């Protein structure tokens, strides 16, 4: 299990947070996602055999969210 920390600028209000949680928790290989609403920090526990950090970023960006590491 790997933990990847990302920052999503939009993940500081309820709508984008719920959308992001839904995306992540439906993704194969993601075990847990914790979002800090104060600064948009996201910690994602995932199987690196199933989902790499780069694939995780690409997935989130496909939904129009801005990701930084």
N, C-alpha and C. Protein backbone atom coordinates (compact mmCIF):
# COMPACT_ATOMS: atom_id res chain seq x y z
N UNK A 1 0.85 -1.18 0.00
CA UNK A 1 0.00 0.00 0.00
C UNK A 1 0.90 1.24 0.00
N UNK A 2 0.53 2.18 -0.82
CA UNK A 2 1.27 3.44 -0.93
C UNK A 2 0.32 4.59 -0.56
N UNK A 3 0.87 5.62 0.07
CA UNK A 3 0.10 6.83 0.35
C UNK A 3 0.65 7.95 -0.53
N UNK A 4 -0.24 8.55 -1.30
CA UNK A 4 0.12 9.67 -2.17
C UNK A 4 -0.57 10.91 -1.64
N UNK A 5 0.21 12.00 -1.51
CA UNK A 5 -0.35 13.26 -1.06
C UNK A 5 -0.41 14.22 -2.24
N UNK A 6 -1.59 14.75 -2.49
CA UNK A 6 -1.82 15.69 -3.58
C UNK A 6 -2.58 16.89 -3.03
N UNK A 7 -2.60 17.95 -3.80
CA UNK A 7 -3.38 19.13 -3.45
C UNK A 7 -4.31 19.44 -4.61
N UNK A 8 -5.59 19.61 -4.30
CA UNK A 8 -6.59 19.96 -5.31
C UNK A 8 -7.21 21.28 -4.87
N UNK A 9 -6.95 22.30 -5.66
CA UNK A 9 -7.37 23.66 -5.32
C UNK A 9 -8.87 23.75 -5.05
N UNK A 10 -9.66 23.01 -5.82
CA UNK A 10 -11.12 23.09 -5.69
C UNK A 10 -11.67 22.32 -4.49
N UNK A 11 -10.85 21.52 -3.84
CA UNK A 11 -11.33 20.65 -2.76
C UNK A 11 -11.40 21.37 -1.42
N UNK A 12 -11.98 22.56 -1.44
CA UNK A 12 -12.16 23.30 -0.20
C UNK A 12 -13.63 23.66 0.02
N UNK A 13 -14.51 23.19 -0.86
CA UNK A 13 -15.94 23.42 -0.67
C UNK A 13 -16.68 22.09 -0.87
N UNK A 14 -17.88 22.01 -0.37
CA UNK A 14 -18.60 20.74 -0.26
C UNK A 14 -18.82 20.02 -1.59
N UNK A 15 -19.27 20.72 -2.62
CA UNK A 15 -19.57 20.08 -3.90
C UNK A 15 -18.37 19.37 -4.49
N UNK A 16 -17.26 20.09 -4.71
CA UNK A 16 -16.09 19.43 -5.27
C UNK A 16 -15.53 18.32 -4.39
N UNK A 17 -15.62 18.48 -3.09
CA UNK A 17 -15.12 17.45 -2.17
C UNK A 17 -15.93 16.17 -2.32
N UNK A 18 -17.24 16.28 -2.33
CA UNK A 18 -18.08 15.09 -2.48
C UNK A 18 -17.84 14.42 -3.83
N UNK A 19 -17.68 15.23 -4.87
CA UNK A 19 -17.40 14.70 -6.20
C UNK A 19 -16.06 13.94 -6.21
N UNK A 20 -15.06 14.55 -5.63
CA UNK A 20 -13.73 13.95 -5.58
C UNK A 20 -13.73 12.66 -4.77
N UNK A 21 -14.39 12.65 -3.63
CA UNK A 21 -14.48 11.44 -2.82
C UNK A 21 -15.15 10.32 -3.60
N UNK A 22 -16.22 10.65 -4.31
CA UNK A 22 -16.94 9.67 -5.10
C UNK A 22 -16.04 9.08 -6.18
N UNK A 23 -15.30 9.93 -6.88
CA UNK A 23 -14.39 9.48 -7.93
C UNK A 23 -13.35 8.53 -7.35
N UNK A 24 -12.72 8.95 -6.27
CA UNK A 24 -11.63 8.17 -5.70
C UNK A 24 -12.09 6.84 -5.14
N UNK A 25 -13.19 6.84 -4.41
CA UNK A 25 -13.61 5.62 -3.75
C UNK A 25 -14.19 4.58 -4.71
N UNK A 26 -14.57 5.01 -5.93
CA UNK A 26 -15.04 4.08 -6.96
C UNK A 26 -13.89 3.53 -7.79
N UNK A 27 -12.69 4.04 -7.58
CA UNK A 27 -11.54 3.66 -8.40
C UNK A 27 -10.88 2.40 -7.83
N UNK A 28 -10.67 1.43 -8.71
CA UNK A 28 -10.01 0.19 -8.30
C UNK A 28 -8.60 0.50 -7.81
N UNK A 29 -8.25 -0.05 -6.67
CA UNK A 29 -6.93 0.15 -6.09
C UNK A 29 -6.89 1.19 -4.98
N UNK A 30 -7.92 2.05 -4.91
CA UNK A 30 -7.97 3.06 -3.85
C UNK A 30 -8.62 2.44 -2.62
N UNK A 31 -7.91 2.49 -1.50
CA UNK A 31 -8.45 1.94 -0.27
C UNK A 31 -9.08 3.04 0.59
N UNK A 32 -8.42 4.22 0.62
CA UNK A 32 -8.92 5.28 1.49
C UNK A 32 -8.46 6.62 0.94
N UNK A 33 -9.31 7.64 1.11
CA UNK A 33 -8.96 9.00 0.71
C UNK A 33 -9.38 9.95 1.82
N UNK A 34 -8.45 10.78 2.25
CA UNK A 34 -8.72 11.76 3.30
C UNK A 34 -8.49 13.15 2.71
N UNK A 35 -9.48 14.02 2.83
CA UNK A 35 -9.39 15.36 2.26
C UNK A 35 -9.41 16.39 3.37
N UNK A 36 -8.42 17.27 3.37
CA UNK A 36 -8.35 18.38 4.32
C UNK A 36 -9.00 19.59 3.66
N UNK A 37 -10.18 19.98 4.15
CA UNK A 37 -10.94 21.05 3.51
C UNK A 37 -10.31 22.42 3.67
N UNK A 38 -9.38 22.57 4.60
CA UNK A 38 -8.74 23.88 4.80
C UNK A 38 -7.82 24.25 3.66
N UNK A 39 -7.07 23.28 3.16
CA UNK A 39 -6.09 23.62 2.11
C UNK A 39 -6.16 22.72 0.88
N UNK A 40 -7.14 21.81 0.81
CA UNK A 40 -7.30 20.95 -0.36
C UNK A 40 -6.30 19.81 -0.42
N UNK A 41 -5.64 19.52 0.70
CA UNK A 41 -4.69 18.40 0.73
C UNK A 41 -5.46 17.09 0.74
N UNK A 42 -4.99 16.16 -0.08
CA UNK A 42 -5.62 14.85 -0.19
C UNK A 42 -4.57 13.79 0.04
N UNK A 43 -4.86 12.87 0.93
CA UNK A 43 -3.99 11.71 1.14
C UNK A 43 -4.77 10.49 0.66
N UNK A 44 -4.19 9.78 -0.29
CA UNK A 44 -4.86 8.63 -0.88
C UNK A 44 -4.01 7.39 -0.63
N UNK A 45 -4.60 6.41 0.06
CA UNK A 45 -3.96 5.11 0.24
C UNK A 45 -4.40 4.23 -0.92
N UNK A 46 -3.43 3.72 -1.69
CA UNK A 46 -3.77 2.92 -2.86
C UNK A 46 -2.73 1.85 -3.11
N UNK A 47 -3.16 0.85 -3.86
CA UNK A 47 -2.27 -0.23 -4.26
C UNK A 47 -1.43 0.26 -5.43
N UNK A 48 -0.12 0.32 -5.26
CA UNK A 48 0.73 0.80 -6.35
C UNK A 48 0.81 -0.19 -7.49
N UNK A 49 0.41 -1.44 -7.26
CA UNK A 49 0.36 -2.43 -8.34
C UNK A 49 -0.82 -2.16 -9.28
N UNK A 50 -1.89 -1.57 -8.74
CA UNK A 50 -3.10 -1.31 -9.51
C UNK A 50 -3.16 0.11 -10.04
N UNK A 51 -2.66 1.07 -9.25
CA UNK A 51 -2.83 2.49 -9.57
C UNK A 51 -1.58 3.26 -9.13
N UNK A 52 -0.86 3.82 -10.10
CA UNK A 52 0.33 4.61 -9.75
C UNK A 52 -0.08 6.03 -9.37
N UNK A 53 0.84 6.76 -8.78
CA UNK A 53 0.57 8.16 -8.42
C UNK A 53 0.24 8.99 -9.65
N UNK A 54 0.95 8.76 -10.74
CA UNK A 54 0.69 9.51 -11.98
C UNK A 54 -0.69 9.19 -12.55
N UNK A 55 -1.10 7.93 -12.46
CA UNK A 55 -2.44 7.56 -12.93
C UNK A 55 -3.51 8.21 -12.06
N UNK A 56 -3.23 8.33 -10.79
CA UNK A 56 -4.16 8.98 -9.86
C UNK A 56 -4.34 10.45 -10.23
N UNK A 57 -3.25 11.14 -10.52
CA UNK A 57 -3.31 12.54 -10.93
C UNK A 57 -4.11 12.67 -12.22
N UNK A 58 -3.81 11.82 -13.19
CA UNK A 58 -4.52 11.86 -14.48
C UNK A 58 -6.02 11.64 -14.29
N UNK A 59 -6.38 10.69 -13.44
CA UNK A 59 -7.78 10.41 -13.16
C UNK A 59 -8.49 11.65 -12.61
N UNK A 60 -7.91 12.29 -11.64
CA UNK A 60 -8.52 13.47 -11.02
C UNK A 60 -8.62 14.61 -12.02
N UNK A 61 -7.58 14.80 -12.82
CA UNK A 61 -7.58 15.89 -13.80
C UNK A 61 -8.61 15.66 -14.91
N UNK A 62 -8.94 14.42 -15.20
CA UNK A 62 -9.97 14.11 -16.20
C UNK A 62 -11.33 14.67 -15.80
N UNK A 63 -11.52 14.89 -14.52
CA UNK A 63 -12.79 15.43 -14.03
C UNK A 63 -12.71 16.95 -13.87
N UNK A 64 -11.68 17.58 -14.45
CA UNK A 64 -11.59 19.03 -14.46
C UNK A 64 -11.05 19.66 -13.20
N UNK A 65 -10.43 18.87 -12.34
CA UNK A 65 -9.86 19.40 -11.11
C UNK A 65 -8.36 19.64 -11.28
N UNK A 66 -7.84 20.66 -10.64
CA UNK A 66 -6.44 21.02 -10.75
C UNK A 66 -5.63 20.37 -9.63
N UNK A 67 -4.64 19.56 -10.01
CA UNK A 67 -3.85 18.79 -9.06
C UNK A 67 -2.43 19.31 -9.02
N UNK A 68 -1.88 19.47 -7.81
CA UNK A 68 -0.48 19.72 -7.62
C UNK A 68 0.04 18.72 -6.61
N UNK A 69 1.34 18.47 -6.66
CA UNK A 69 1.95 17.52 -5.71
C UNK A 69 2.67 18.28 -4.62
